[in-house]
Structure formats: C-alpha cells, structure tokens
PDB file of all heavy atoms in Angstrom:
ATOM      1  N   ASP A   1      12.709  63.268  52.244  1.00  0.00           N
ATOM      2  CA  ASP A   1      13.060  61.909  51.982  1.00  0.00           C
ATOM      3  C   ASP A   1      12.138  61.079  53.014  1.00  0.00           C
ATOM      4  O   ASP A   1      12.510  60.906  54.127  1.00  0.00           O
ATOM      5  CB  ASP A   1      14.514  61.626  52.260  1.00  0.00           C
ATOM      6  CG  ASP A   1      14.905  60.133  52.072  1.00  0.00           C
ATOM      7  OD1 ASP A   1      13.984  59.317  51.797  1.00  0.00           O
ATOM      8  OD2 ASP A   1      16.139  59.929  52.104  1.00  0.00           O
ATOM      9  N   VAL A   2      10.943  60.693  52.498  1.00  0.00           N
ATOM     10  CA  VAL A   2       9.964  60.052  53.469  1.00  0.00           C
ATOM     11  C   VAL A   2      10.473  58.702  53.938  1.00  0.00           C
ATOM     12  O   VAL A   2      10.104  58.296  54.977  1.00  0.00           O
ATOM     13  CB  VAL A   2       8.580  59.874  52.793  1.00  0.00           C
ATOM     14  CG1 VAL A   2       7.976  61.231  52.589  1.00  0.00           C
ATOM     15  CG2 VAL A   2       8.565  59.071  51.545  1.00  0.00           C
ATOM     16  N   VAL A   3      11.304  58.031  53.153  1.00  0.00           N
ATOM     17  CA  VAL A   3      11.796  56.745  53.621  1.00  0.00           C
ATOM     18  C   VAL A   3      12.694  56.924  54.890  1.00  0.00           C
ATOM     19  O   VAL A   3      12.501  56.288  55.881  1.00  0.00           O
ATOM     20  CB  VAL A   3      12.665  55.987  52.482  1.00  0.00           C
ATOM     21  CG1 VAL A   3      13.281  54.777  53.020  1.00  0.00           C
ATOM     22  CG2 VAL A   3      11.667  55.574  51.290  1.00  0.00           C
ATOM     23  N   GLN A   4      13.614  57.906  54.754  1.00  0.00           N
ATOM     24  CA  GLN A   4      14.508  58.209  55.945  1.00  0.00           C
ATOM     25  C   GLN A   4      13.617  58.828  57.072  1.00  0.00           C
ATOM     26  O   GLN A   4      13.932  58.518  58.209  1.00  0.00           O
ATOM     27  CB  GLN A   4      15.608  59.184  55.508  1.00  0.00           C
ATOM     28  CG  GLN A   4      16.588  59.459  56.663  1.00  0.00           C
ATOM     29  CD  GLN A   4      17.338  58.239  57.026  1.00  0.00           C
ATOM     30  OE1 GLN A   4      17.908  57.471  56.381  1.00  0.00           O
ATOM     31  NE2 GLN A   4      17.286  57.991  58.438  1.00  0.00           N
ATOM     32  N   LEU A   5      12.705  59.655  56.662  1.00  0.00           N
ATOM     33  CA  LEU A   5      11.949  60.243  57.828  1.00  0.00           C
ATOM     34  C   LEU A   5      11.109  59.140  58.564  1.00  0.00           C
ATOM     35  O   LEU A   5      10.992  59.294  59.775  1.00  0.00           O
ATOM     36  CB  LEU A   5      10.975  61.389  57.237  1.00  0.00           C
ATOM     37  CG  LEU A   5      10.193  62.188  58.184  1.00  0.00           C
ATOM     38  CD1 LEU A   5      11.074  62.938  59.199  1.00  0.00           C
ATOM     39  CD2 LEU A   5       9.316  63.191  57.443  1.00  0.00           C
ATOM     40  N   ALA A   6      10.509  58.395  57.814  1.00  0.00           N
ATOM     41  CA  ALA A   6       9.761  57.252  58.473  1.00  0.00           C
ATOM     42  C   ALA A   6      10.677  56.443  59.426  1.00  0.00           C
ATOM     43  O   ALA A   6      10.319  56.068  60.468  1.00  0.00           O
ATOM     44  CB  ALA A   6       9.079  56.329  57.436  1.00  0.00           C
ATOM     45  N   GLN A   7      11.884  56.200  58.937  1.00  0.00           N
ATOM     46  CA  GLN A   7      12.847  55.404  59.721  1.00  0.00           C
ATOM     47  C   GLN A   7      13.202  56.232  60.950  1.00  0.00           C
ATOM     48  O   GLN A   7      13.277  55.648  62.052  1.00  0.00           O
ATOM     49  CB  GLN A   7      14.134  55.278  58.896  1.00  0.00           C
ATOM     50  CG  GLN A   7      15.266  54.423  59.633  1.00  0.00           C
ATOM     51  CD  GLN A   7      14.925  52.933  59.657  1.00  0.00           C
ATOM     52  OE1 GLN A   7      14.163  52.432  58.833  1.00  0.00           O
ATOM     53  NE2 GLN A   7      15.468  52.344  60.635  1.00  0.00           N
ATOM     54  N   ASP A   8      13.285  57.516  60.861  1.00  0.00           N
ATOM     55  CA  ASP A   8      13.729  58.300  62.004  1.00  0.00           C
ATOM     56  C   ASP A   8      12.608  58.482  63.066  1.00  0.00           C
ATOM     57  O   ASP A   8      12.721  58.569  64.215  1.00  0.00           O
ATOM     58  CB  ASP A   8      14.107  59.752  61.533  1.00  0.00           C
ATOM     59  CG  ASP A   8      15.450  59.754  60.826  1.00  0.00           C
ATOM     60  OD1 ASP A   8      16.127  58.757  60.795  1.00  0.00           O
ATOM     61  OD2 ASP A   8      15.666  60.766  60.180  1.00  0.00           O
ATOM     62  N   LEU A   9      11.355  58.518  62.418  1.00  0.00           N
ATOM     63  CA  LEU A   9      10.109  58.782  63.366  1.00  0.00           C
ATOM     64  C   LEU A   9       9.622  57.487  64.080  1.00  0.00           C
ATOM     65  O   LEU A   9       9.018  57.583  65.191  1.00  0.00           O
ATOM     66  CB  LEU A   9       8.986  59.319  62.568  1.00  0.00           C
ATOM     67  CG  LEU A   9       9.179  60.697  61.844  1.00  0.00           C
ATOM     68  CD1 LEU A   9       7.972  61.132  61.060  1.00  0.00           C
ATOM     69  CD2 LEU A   9       9.619  61.751  62.871  1.00  0.00           C
ATOM     70  N   THR A  10       9.959  56.378  63.569  1.00  0.00           N
ATOM     71  CA  THR A  10       9.323  55.138  64.174  1.00  0.00           C
ATOM     72  C   THR A  10       9.821  54.925  65.573  1.00  0.00           C
ATOM     73  O   THR A  10       8.958  54.478  66.454  1.00  0.00           O
ATOM     74  CB  THR A  10       9.728  53.964  63.253  1.00  0.00           C
ATOM     75  OG1 THR A  10       9.169  54.076  61.965  1.00  0.00           O
ATOM     76  CG2 THR A  10       9.115  52.586  63.832  1.00  0.00           C
ATOM     77  N   PRO A  11      10.999  55.099  65.977  1.00  0.00           N
ATOM     78  CA  PRO A  11      11.379  55.025  67.470  1.00  0.00           C
ATOM     79  C   PRO A  11      10.558  55.920  68.300  1.00  0.00           C
ATOM     80  O   PRO A  11      10.177  55.479  69.462  1.00  0.00           O
ATOM     81  CB  PRO A  11      12.900  55.385  67.503  1.00  0.00           C
ATOM     82  CG  PRO A  11      13.400  55.148  66.117  1.00  0.00           C
ATOM     83  CD  PRO A  11      12.156  55.466  65.201  1.00  0.00           C
ATOM     84  N   TYR A  12      10.263  57.101  67.893  1.00  0.00           N
ATOM     85  CA  TYR A  12       9.516  57.945  68.750  1.00  0.00           C
ATOM     86  C   TYR A  12       8.037  57.400  68.829  1.00  0.00           C
ATOM     87  O   TYR A  12       7.408  57.427  69.932  1.00  0.00           O
ATOM     88  CB  TYR A  12       9.393  59.324  68.102  1.00  0.00           C
ATOM     89  CG  TYR A  12      10.696  60.011  67.989  1.00  0.00           C
ATOM     90  CD1 TYR A  12      11.342  60.316  66.826  1.00  0.00           C
ATOM     91  CD2 TYR A  12      11.251  60.626  69.157  1.00  0.00           C
ATOM     92  CE1 TYR A  12      12.543  60.896  66.764  1.00  0.00           C
ATOM     93  CE2 TYR A  12      12.459  61.266  69.129  1.00  0.00           C
ATOM     94  CZ  TYR A  12      13.144  61.427  67.895  1.00  0.00           C
ATOM     95  OH  TYR A  12      14.358  62.089  67.829  1.00  0.00           O
ATOM     96  N   ALA A  13       7.534  56.965  67.742  1.00  0.00           N
ATOM     97  CA  ALA A  13       6.178  56.453  67.728  1.00  0.00           C
ATOM     98  C   ALA A  13       6.063  55.133  68.595  1.00  0.00           C
ATOM     99  O   ALA A  13       5.115  55.112  69.404  1.00  0.00           O
ATOM    100  CB  ALA A  13       5.651  56.128  66.301  1.00  0.00           C
ATOM    101  N   THR A  14       6.966  54.284  68.428  1.00  0.00           N
ATOM    102  CA  THR A  14       6.912  53.047  69.240  1.00  0.00           C
ATOM    103  C   THR A  14       7.109  53.335  70.731  1.00  0.00           C
ATOM    104  O   THR A  14       6.450  52.629  71.564  1.00  0.00           O
ATOM    105  CB  THR A  14       7.807  51.972  68.757  1.00  0.00           C
ATOM    106  OG1 THR A  14       9.177  52.476  68.776  1.00  0.00           O
ATOM    107  CG2 THR A  14       7.499  51.488  67.392  1.00  0.00           C
ATOM    108  N   THR A  15       7.916  54.282  71.122  1.00  0.00           N
ATOM    109  CA  THR A  15       8.214  54.637  72.450  1.00  0.00           C
ATOM    110  C   THR A  15       6.874  55.163  73.050  1.00  0.00           C
ATOM    111  O   THR A  15       6.525  54.841  74.183  1.00  0.00           O
ATOM    112  CB  THR A  15       9.285  55.620  72.644  1.00  0.00           C
ATOM    113  OG1 THR A  15      10.512  55.019  72.175  1.00  0.00           O
ATOM    114  CG2 THR A  15       9.471  56.075  74.048  1.00  0.00           C
ATOM    115  N   ALA A  16       6.258  56.038  72.285  1.00  0.00           N
ATOM    116  CA  ALA A  16       4.914  56.587  72.890  1.00  0.00           C
ATOM    117  C   ALA A  16       3.850  55.539  72.968  1.00  0.00           C
ATOM    118  O   ALA A  16       3.114  55.528  73.919  1.00  0.00           O
ATOM    119  CB  ALA A  16       4.376  57.693  71.856  1.00  0.00           C
ATOM    120  N   ILE A  17       3.814  54.663  71.986  1.00  0.00           N
ATOM    121  CA  ILE A  17       2.902  53.493  72.061  1.00  0.00           C
ATOM    122  C   ILE A  17       3.168  52.648  73.260  1.00  0.00           C
ATOM    123  O   ILE A  17       2.271  52.294  73.972  1.00  0.00           O
ATOM    124  CB  ILE A  17       2.874  52.709  70.789  1.00  0.00           C
ATOM    125  CG1 ILE A  17       2.352  53.528  69.635  1.00  0.00           C
ATOM    126  CG2 ILE A  17       2.016  51.368  70.880  1.00  0.00           C
ATOM    127  CD1 ILE A  17       2.611  52.937  68.168  1.00  0.00           C
ATOM    128  N   THR A  18       4.429  52.361  73.486  1.00  0.00           N
ATOM    129  CA  THR A  18       4.798  51.451  74.684  1.00  0.00           C
ATOM    130  C   THR A  18       4.414  52.218  75.990  1.00  0.00           C
ATOM    131  O   THR A  18       3.908  51.536  76.890  1.00  0.00           O
ATOM    132  CB  THR A  18       6.307  51.231  74.624  1.00  0.00           C
ATOM    133  OG1 THR A  18       6.664  50.519  73.456  1.00  0.00           O
ATOM    134  CG2 THR A  18       6.702  50.429  75.851  1.00  0.00           C
ATOM    135  N   ALA A  19       4.584  53.543  76.083  1.00  0.00           N
ATOM    136  CA  ALA A  19       4.279  54.229  77.238  1.00  0.00           C
ATOM    137  C   ALA A  19       2.698  54.461  77.445  1.00  0.00           C
ATOM    138  O   ALA A  19       2.241  54.263  78.617  1.00  0.00           O
ATOM    139  CB  ALA A  19       4.923  55.630  77.150  1.00  0.00           C
ATOM    140  N   TYR A  20       2.056  54.746  76.426  1.00  0.00           N
ATOM    141  CA  TYR A  20       0.531  55.052  76.544  1.00  0.00           C
ATOM    142  C   TYR A  20      -0.392  54.014  76.015  1.00  0.00           C
ATOM    143  O   TYR A  20      -1.559  54.124  76.295  1.00  0.00           O
ATOM    144  CB  TYR A  20       0.328  56.439  75.836  1.00  0.00           C
ATOM    145  CG  TYR A  20       0.819  57.568  76.505  1.00  0.00           C
ATOM    146  CD1 TYR A  20       1.283  58.723  75.676  1.00  0.00           C
ATOM    147  CD2 TYR A  20       0.918  57.737  77.847  1.00  0.00           C
ATOM    148  CE1 TYR A  20       1.733  59.796  76.293  1.00  0.00           C
ATOM    149  CE2 TYR A  20       1.463  58.941  78.354  1.00  0.00           C
ATOM    150  CZ  TYR A  20       1.774  59.975  77.702  1.00  0.00           C
ATOM    151  OH  TYR A  20       2.327  61.028  78.210  1.00  0.00           O
ATOM    152  N   GLY A  21       0.086  53.052  75.322  1.00  0.00           N
ATOM    153  CA  GLY A  21      -0.788  52.055  74.729  1.00  0.00           C
ATOM    154  C   GLY A  21      -1.706  52.749  73.674  1.00  0.00           C
ATOM    155  O   GLY A  21      -1.295  53.763  73.057  1.00  0.00           O
ATOM    156  N   ALA A  22      -2.885  52.264  73.416  1.00  0.00           N
ATOM    157  CA  ALA A  22      -3.733  52.798  72.384  1.00  0.00           C
ATOM    158  C   ALA A  22      -4.215  54.254  72.771  1.00  0.00           C
ATOM    159  O   ALA A  22      -4.607  54.978  71.928  1.00  0.00           O
ATOM    160  CB  ALA A  22      -5.011  51.909  72.313  1.00  0.00           C
ATOM    161  N   ALA A  23      -4.105  54.699  74.009  1.00  0.00           N
ATOM    162  CA  ALA A  23      -4.470  56.000  74.476  1.00  0.00           C
ATOM    163  C   ALA A  23      -3.588  57.011  73.871  1.00  0.00           C
ATOM    164  O   ALA A  23      -3.763  58.337  74.005  1.00  0.00           O
ATOM    165  CB  ALA A  23      -4.430  56.126  75.986  1.00  0.00           C
ATOM    166  N   VAL A  24      -2.394  56.584  73.221  1.00  0.00           N
ATOM    167  CA  VAL A  24      -1.485  57.540  72.537  1.00  0.00           C
ATOM    168  C   VAL A  24      -2.165  58.432  71.562  1.00  0.00           C
ATOM    169  O   VAL A  24      -1.709  59.532  71.323  1.00  0.00           O
ATOM    170  CB  VAL A  24      -0.274  56.801  71.964  1.00  0.00           C
ATOM    171  CG1 VAL A  24      -0.745  56.075  70.606  1.00  0.00           C
ATOM    172  CG2 VAL A  24       0.870  57.758  71.664  1.00  0.00           C
ATOM    173  N   LEU A  25      -3.244  57.983  70.964  1.00  0.00           N
ATOM    174  CA  LEU A  25      -3.903  58.828  69.955  1.00  0.00           C
ATOM    175  C   LEU A  25      -4.918  59.765  70.700  1.00  0.00           C
ATOM    176  O   LEU A  25      -5.492  60.638  69.933  1.00  0.00           O
ATOM    177  CB  LEU A  25      -4.698  57.919  69.063  1.00  0.00           C
ATOM    178  CG  LEU A  25      -3.813  56.987  68.257  1.00  0.00           C
ATOM    179  CD1 LEU A  25      -4.614  56.036  67.353  1.00  0.00           C
ATOM    180  CD2 LEU A  25      -2.805  57.735  67.385  1.00  0.00           C
ATOM    181  N   ALA A  26      -4.957  59.793  71.908  1.00  0.00           N
ATOM    182  CA  ALA A  26      -5.873  60.813  72.627  1.00  0.00           C
ATOM    183  C   ALA A  26      -5.307  62.191  72.476  1.00  0.00           C
ATOM    184  O   ALA A  26      -4.114  62.456  72.354  1.00  0.00           O
ATOM    185  CB  ALA A  26      -5.962  60.560  74.148  1.00  0.00           C
ATOM    186  N   ARG A  27      -6.167  63.136  72.328  1.00  0.00           N
ATOM    187  CA  ARG A  27      -5.789  64.496  72.190  1.00  0.00           C
ATOM    188  C   ARG A  27      -5.060  65.177  73.289  1.00  0.00           C
ATOM    189  O   ARG A  27      -4.082  66.005  73.165  1.00  0.00           O
ATOM    190  CB  ARG A  27      -7.013  65.355  71.884  1.00  0.00           C
ATOM    191  CG  ARG A  27      -6.639  66.885  71.647  1.00  0.00           C
ATOM    192  CD  ARG A  27      -7.449  67.383  70.436  1.00  0.00           C
ATOM    193  NE  ARG A  27      -7.310  68.778  70.267  1.00  0.00           N
ATOM    194  CZ  ARG A  27      -6.261  69.408  69.698  1.00  0.00           C
ATOM    195  NH1 ARG A  27      -5.268  68.732  69.264  1.00  0.00           N
ATOM    196  NH2 ARG A  27      -6.243  70.745  69.568  1.00  0.00           N
ATOM    197  N   VAL A  28      -5.290  64.851  74.507  1.00  0.00           N
ATOM    198  CA  VAL A  28      -4.790  65.358  75.714  1.00  0.00           C
ATOM    199  C   VAL A  28      -3.381  64.759  76.007  1.00  0.00           C
ATOM    200  O   VAL A  28      -3.260  63.601  76.076  1.00  0.00           O
ATOM    201  CB  VAL A  28      -5.694  65.228  76.880  1.00  0.00           C
ATOM    202  CG1 VAL A  28      -5.095  65.873  78.137  1.00  0.00           C
ATOM    203  CG2 VAL A  28      -7.029  65.850  76.604  1.00  0.00           C
TER     204      VAL A  28
END
C-alpha cells in the first residue's frame, strides 16, 4: 500500500533532512 507507506516514511525522511540538510543524499 504505497499511500500508507509514503505516509509512514515521510517523518523519517523529513527528520533526516532536518538533521543533515541537502547532504542527506550523500552516500556516507
């Protein structure tokens, strides 16, 4: 269920973005 999965994953993604900024996409 991609709608529910997207809803569930967004808090993790935004927390990582808040912590690392654009560097969140770095491999390391």
